[in-house]
């Protein structure tokens, strides 16, 4: 395939739309004075709980929950679109052109709805870690990184990544099409949450350098999502140089040294 053909294929794929959406999210984060709203909120709630006990919750209720939800949505807009290339390509190929906008809208609605629930859970987890760490804020981040490394090594982590590659049947017409697209969004969000939650938790613990941590986590998630499905087993969580070299040589030769199992 020539460079021109590749360029045309890329332009007619979901990638330009996803890249534009992600850039819009990053621009909103960079321009907003409340770009660290979530880490600041978690820190303030932890301080209230540690000084006032559970009576401090009443003071937290005067905060703007809608604004916090919007901050979470902007965070999702920046980090998630590039992870949705495969499901969006599936919707692109399996839906009729005139129904494609509806299919995408239903998928996004299901995806965002479940991630919104996950945002509440991750916020509570972030508050809990900051309570445990107390004034040593670095300890909360260190604990989250330790949890992320352990999770990275588990078979369930690999299973969730494998399921992120799965493509279900999508009906072409009627309520079946709507239900399939909405269910696809919810299912994809569920497996994505299972795979990505440590990388979403880390930026919520860091107020200084929040955007940099977000960017590093996003790059890791995109890299991780581009890898093929692998066997579900315990594995070393960090990439080893000799594995990177062998993986590169295998991809050049067209041979996958690890077969997908249990997906």
Protein backbone atom coordinates (compact mmCIF):
# COMPACT_ATOMS: atom_id res chain seq x y z
CA UNK A 1 0.00 0.00 0.00
CA UNK A 2 1.43 3.38 -1.01
CA UNK A 3 1.84 6.35 1.31
CA UNK A 4 -1.08 8.11 -0.41
CA UNK A 5 -3.34 5.10 0.05
CA UNK A 6 -2.36 4.82 3.70
CA UNK A 7 -3.07 8.52 4.21
CA UNK A 8 -6.50 8.23 2.58
CA UNK A 9 -7.33 5.15 4.63
CA UNK A 10 -6.31 6.97 7.81
CA UNK A 11 -8.41 10.02 6.92
CA UNK A 12 -11.48 7.82 6.32
CA UNK A 13 -10.99 5.98 9.62
CA UNK A 14 -12.08 7.10 13.12
CA UNK A 15 -8.51 8.14 14.00
CA UNK A 16 -8.76 11.83 12.95
CA UNK A 17 -11.95 12.26 14.98
CA UNK A 18 -10.50 10.52 18.01
CA UNK A 19 -7.26 12.51 17.84
CA UNK A 20 -9.23 15.76 17.55
CA UNK A 21 -11.39 14.83 20.55
CA UNK A 22 -8.31 13.99 22.63
CA UNK A 23 -6.58 17.24 21.68
CA UNK A 24 -9.71 19.16 22.63
CA UNK A 25 -9.63 17.51 26.06
CA UNK A 26 -5.97 18.36 26.59
CA UNK A 27 -6.56 21.94 25.45
CA UNK A 28 -9.44 22.29 27.90
CA UNK A 29 -7.29 20.94 30.72
CA UNK A 30 -4.39 23.22 29.88
CA UNK A 31 -6.61 26.32 29.58
CA UNK A 32 -8.82 25.69 32.63
CA UNK A 33 -7.73 27.24 35.93
CA UNK A 34 -9.25 24.22 37.69
CA UNK A 35 -7.22 21.62 35.81
CA UNK A 36 -6.30 19.99 39.14
CA UNK A 37 -9.85 20.08 40.51
CA UNK A 38 -10.04 16.36 41.21
CA UNK A 39 -6.70 16.04 43.06
CA UNK A 40 -7.49 19.20 45.04
CA UNK A 41 -10.96 17.88 45.90
CA UNK A 42 -9.62 14.53 47.09
CA UNK A 43 -6.98 16.28 49.16
CA UNK A 44 -9.47 18.69 50.73
CA UNK A 45 -11.90 15.90 51.64
CA UNK A 46 -9.07 13.88 53.17
CA UNK A 47 -8.06 16.92 55.25
CA UNK A 48 -11.64 17.46 56.43
CA UNK A 49 -12.01 13.83 57.44
CA UNK A 50 -8.70 13.76 59.29
CA UNK A 51 -9.40 16.98 61.24
CA UNK A 52 -13.18 16.92 61.71
CA UNK A 53 -13.99 13.24 61.33
CA UNK A 54 -17.13 12.20 59.47
CA UNK A 55 -18.79 15.51 60.39
CA UNK A 56 -16.54 17.05 57.77
CA UNK A 57 -18.61 15.34 55.09
CA UNK A 58 -21.37 17.92 55.60
CA UNK A 59 -18.91 20.67 54.71
CA UNK A 60 -17.83 18.76 51.61
CA UNK A 61 -21.40 18.66 50.35
CA UNK A 62 -21.32 22.42 49.67
CA UNK A 63 -18.75 21.79 46.92
CA UNK A 64 -19.92 21.72 43.32
CA UNK A 65 -20.54 18.06 42.37
CA UNK A 66 -21.48 19.01 38.81
CA UNK A 67 -18.19 20.84 38.37
CA UNK A 68 -16.27 17.83 39.65
CA UNK A 69 -18.16 15.55 37.26
CA UNK A 70 -17.31 17.92 34.40
CA UNK A 71 -13.64 17.80 35.42
CA UNK A 72 -13.82 14.01 35.33
CA UNK A 73 -15.42 14.08 31.87
CA UNK A 74 -12.70 16.40 30.56
CA UNK A 75 -10.10 14.02 31.99
CA UNK A 76 -11.79 11.15 30.15
CA UNK A 77 -11.97 13.22 26.96
CA UNK A 78 -8.22 13.78 27.08
CA UNK A 79 -7.15 10.24 27.98
CA UNK A 80 -9.67 7.83 26.49
CA UNK A 81 -10.33 8.61 22.78
CA UNK A 82 -7.12 7.07 21.45
CA UNK A 83 -8.00 3.84 23.28
CA UNK A 84 -11.25 3.61 21.32
CA UNK A 85 -9.78 3.23 17.84
CA UNK A 86 -10.64 -0.46 17.60
CA UNK A 87 -14.28 -0.26 18.82
CA UNK A 88 -14.93 2.83 16.72
CA UNK A 89 -13.54 1.04 13.67
CA UNK A 90 -15.89 -1.85 14.46
CA UNK A 91 -18.88 0.52 14.59
CA UNK A 92 -17.66 2.22 11.42
CA UNK A 93 -17.53 -1.05 9.51
CA UNK A 94 -20.63 -2.78 10.92
CA UNK A 95 -23.16 0.05 10.88
CA UNK A 96 -24.91 1.58 7.90
CA UNK A 97 -23.57 5.03 6.95
CA UNK A 98 -26.84 6.79 7.75
CA UNK A 99 -26.98 5.09 11.18
CA UNK A 100 -23.32 5.55 12.01
CA UNK A 101 -23.76 8.78 14.08
CA UNK A 102 -26.48 7.11 16.17
CA UNK A 103 -24.34 4.01 16.67
CA UNK A 104 -21.39 6.11 17.85
CA UNK A 105 -23.60 8.25 20.12
CA UNK A 106 -25.12 5.20 21.81
CA UNK A 107 -21.71 3.59 22.26
CA UNK A 108 -20.29 6.78 23.81
CA UNK A 109 -23.34 7.13 26.09
CA UNK A 110 -22.87 3.64 27.51
CA UNK A 111 -19.12 4.08 27.77
CA UNK A 112 -19.28 7.42 29.58
CA UNK A 113 -22.09 6.30 31.90
CA UNK A 114 -20.08 3.41 33.30
CA UNK A 115 -16.88 5.47 33.49
CA UNK A 116 -18.81 8.11 35.46
CA UNK A 117 -19.65 5.49 38.08
CA UNK A 118 -16.01 4.41 38.08
CA UNK A 119 -15.03 8.04 38.66
CA UNK A 120 -16.96 8.04 41.95
CA UNK A 121 -15.24 4.84 43.08
CA UNK A 122 -11.78 6.12 42.08
CA UNK A 123 -12.44 9.41 43.88
CA UNK A 124 -13.31 7.55 47.08
CA UNK A 125 -10.22 5.37 46.67
CA UNK A 126 -8.06 8.47 46.17
CA UNK A 127 -9.49 10.03 49.32
CA UNK A 128 -8.81 6.82 51.23
CA UNK A 129 -5.19 6.69 50.08
CA UNK A 130 -4.65 10.31 51.09
CA UNK A 131 -6.17 9.61 54.48
CA UNK A 132 -3.76 6.71 54.98
CA UNK A 133 -0.80 8.80 53.81
CA UNK A 134 -1.67 11.81 55.98
CA UNK A 135 0.71 14.71 55.41
CA UNK A 136 3.13 12.50 53.46
CA UNK A 137 1.41 12.99 50.11
CA UNK A 138 4.20 11.11 48.32
CA UNK A 139 3.17 8.00 50.26
CA UNK A 140 -0.29 7.96 48.62
CA UNK A 141 1.32 8.12 45.18
CA UNK A 142 3.84 5.41 46.12
CA UNK A 143 1.03 3.14 47.36
CA UNK A 144 -0.92 3.71 44.13
CA UNK A 145 2.16 2.90 42.04
CA UNK A 146 2.74 -0.28 44.04
CA UNK A 147 -0.88 -1.33 43.52
CA UNK A 148 -0.55 -0.54 39.80
CA UNK A 149 2.56 -2.73 39.48
CA UNK A 150 0.91 -5.64 41.28
CA UNK A 151 -2.23 -5.28 39.16
CA UNK A 152 -0.11 -5.10 36.01
CA UNK A 153 1.29 -8.54 36.81
CA UNK A 154 -2.04 -10.32 37.35
CA UNK A 155 -3.80 -12.65 34.87
CA UNK A 156 -7.01 -10.63 35.33
CA UNK A 157 -5.24 -7.54 34.00
CA UNK A 158 -4.25 -9.45 30.87
CA UNK A 159 -7.76 -10.87 30.52
CA UNK A 160 -9.20 -7.36 30.60
CA UNK A 161 -6.75 -6.24 27.91
CA UNK A 162 -7.66 -9.26 25.79
CA UNK A 163 -11.36 -8.49 26.14
CA UNK A 164 -10.70 -4.90 25.08
CA UNK A 165 -9.87 -6.36 21.65
CA UNK A 166 -13.13 -8.32 21.38
CA UNK A 167 -15.73 -7.24 18.80
CA UNK A 168 -19.36 -8.31 19.30
CA UNK A 169 -22.11 -8.76 16.74
CA UNK A 170 -23.95 -5.51 15.98
CA UNK A 171 -27.38 -5.55 14.35
CA UNK A 172 -28.01 -3.26 11.42
CA UNK A 173 -31.55 -2.06 12.14
CA UNK A 174 -34.06 -1.08 14.79
CA UNK A 175 -33.98 -1.49 18.51
CA UNK A 176 -31.57 -4.40 18.22
CA UNK A 177 -28.98 -2.05 16.71
CA UNK A 178 -29.51 0.48 19.50
CA UNK A 179 -29.26 -2.17 22.21
CA UNK A 180 -26.15 -3.70 20.64
CA UNK A 181 -24.34 -0.35 20.38
CA UNK A 182 -25.29 0.74 23.88
CA UNK A 183 -24.32 -2.65 25.31
CA UNK A 184 -21.06 -2.55 23.37
CA UNK A 185 -20.21 0.78 25.02
CA UNK A 186 -21.02 -0.51 28.49
CA UNK A 187 -19.10 -3.75 27.94
CA UNK A 188 -16.08 -1.97 26.49
CA UNK A 189 -16.09 0.50 29.39
CA UNK A 190 -16.23 -2.34 31.91
CA UNK A 191 -13.18 -4.10 30.54
CA UNK A 192 -11.41 -0.78 29.98
CA UNK A 193 -12.01 0.23 33.60
CA UNK A 194 -10.65 -3.10 34.76
CA UNK A 195 -7.53 -2.59 32.62
CA UNK A 196 -7.00 1.14 33.18
CA UNK A 197 -8.13 2.03 36.71
CA UNK A 198 -4.61 2.29 38.26
CA UNK A 199 -3.51 4.64 35.47
CA UNK A 200 -6.60 6.79 36.10
CA UNK A 201 -6.05 6.78 39.86
CA UNK A 202 -2.46 8.02 39.77
CA UNK A 203 -3.18 11.48 38.27
CA UNK A 204 -5.93 12.00 40.86
CA UNK A 205 -3.31 11.78 43.61
CA UNK A 206 -0.94 14.34 42.10
CA UNK A 207 -1.77 18.05 42.14
CA UNK A 208 1.63 19.45 41.20
CA UNK A 209 2.50 17.97 37.81
CA UNK A 210 -1.03 16.63 37.33
CA UNK A 211 -1.02 17.08 33.54
CA UNK A 212 2.41 15.50 33.15
CA UNK A 213 1.35 12.40 35.09
CA UNK A 214 -1.85 12.26 33.01
CA UNK A 215 0.16 12.43 29.79
CA UNK A 216 2.57 9.68 30.86
CA UNK A 217 -0.32 7.43 31.89
CA UNK A 218 -2.11 8.11 28.60
CA UNK A 219 0.97 7.21 26.55
CA UNK A 220 1.36 3.99 28.50
CA UNK A 221 -2.30 3.07 28.02
CA UNK A 222 -2.14 3.72 24.27
CA UNK A 223 1.05 1.64 23.99
CA UNK A 224 -0.48 -1.15 26.03
CA UNK A 225 -3.70 -1.20 24.01
CA UNK A 226 -1.82 -1.56 20.73
CA UNK A 227 -0.23 -4.84 21.82
CA UNK A 228 -1.88 -8.09 20.71
CA UNK A 229 -3.74 -10.36 23.10
CA UNK A 230 -1.50 -12.59 25.21
CA UNK A 231 -1.83 -15.61 27.48
CA UNK A 232 -3.45 -14.94 30.85
CA UNK A 233 -0.79 -15.65 33.45
CA UNK A 234 1.28 -13.92 36.08
CA UNK A 235 4.07 -11.95 34.44
CA UNK A 236 6.74 -9.39 35.30
CA UNK A 237 4.92 -6.01 35.26
CA UNK A 238 7.72 -3.94 33.74
CA UNK A 239 8.98 -4.34 30.16
CA UNK A 240 12.35 -6.08 30.00
CA UNK A 241 14.85 -4.96 27.30
CA UNK A 242 15.37 -8.48 25.93
CA UNK A 243 11.59 -8.95 25.64
CA UNK A 244 11.25 -5.66 23.79
CA UNK A 245 13.95 -6.77 21.33
CA UNK A 246 12.42 -10.21 20.83
CA UNK A 247 8.96 -8.67 20.40
CA UNK A 248 10.30 -6.26 17.79
CA UNK A 249 12.03 -9.05 15.88
CA UNK A 250 8.89 -11.20 16.05
CA UNK A 251 6.71 -8.38 14.69
CA UNK A 252 9.13 -7.85 11.82
CA UNK A 253 9.07 -11.52 10.93
CA UNK A 254 5.28 -11.72 11.25
CA UNK A 255 5.47 -14.30 14.05
CA UNK A 256 3.63 -13.86 17.34
CA UNK A 257 5.52 -15.78 20.04
CA UNK A 258 2.54 -15.80 22.42
CA UNK A 259 -0.82 -17.14 21.41
CA UNK A 260 -4.02 -15.65 22.82
CA UNK A 261 -5.81 -17.89 25.27
CA UNK A 262 -8.89 -17.50 27.40
CA UNK A 263 -10.07 -14.30 25.75
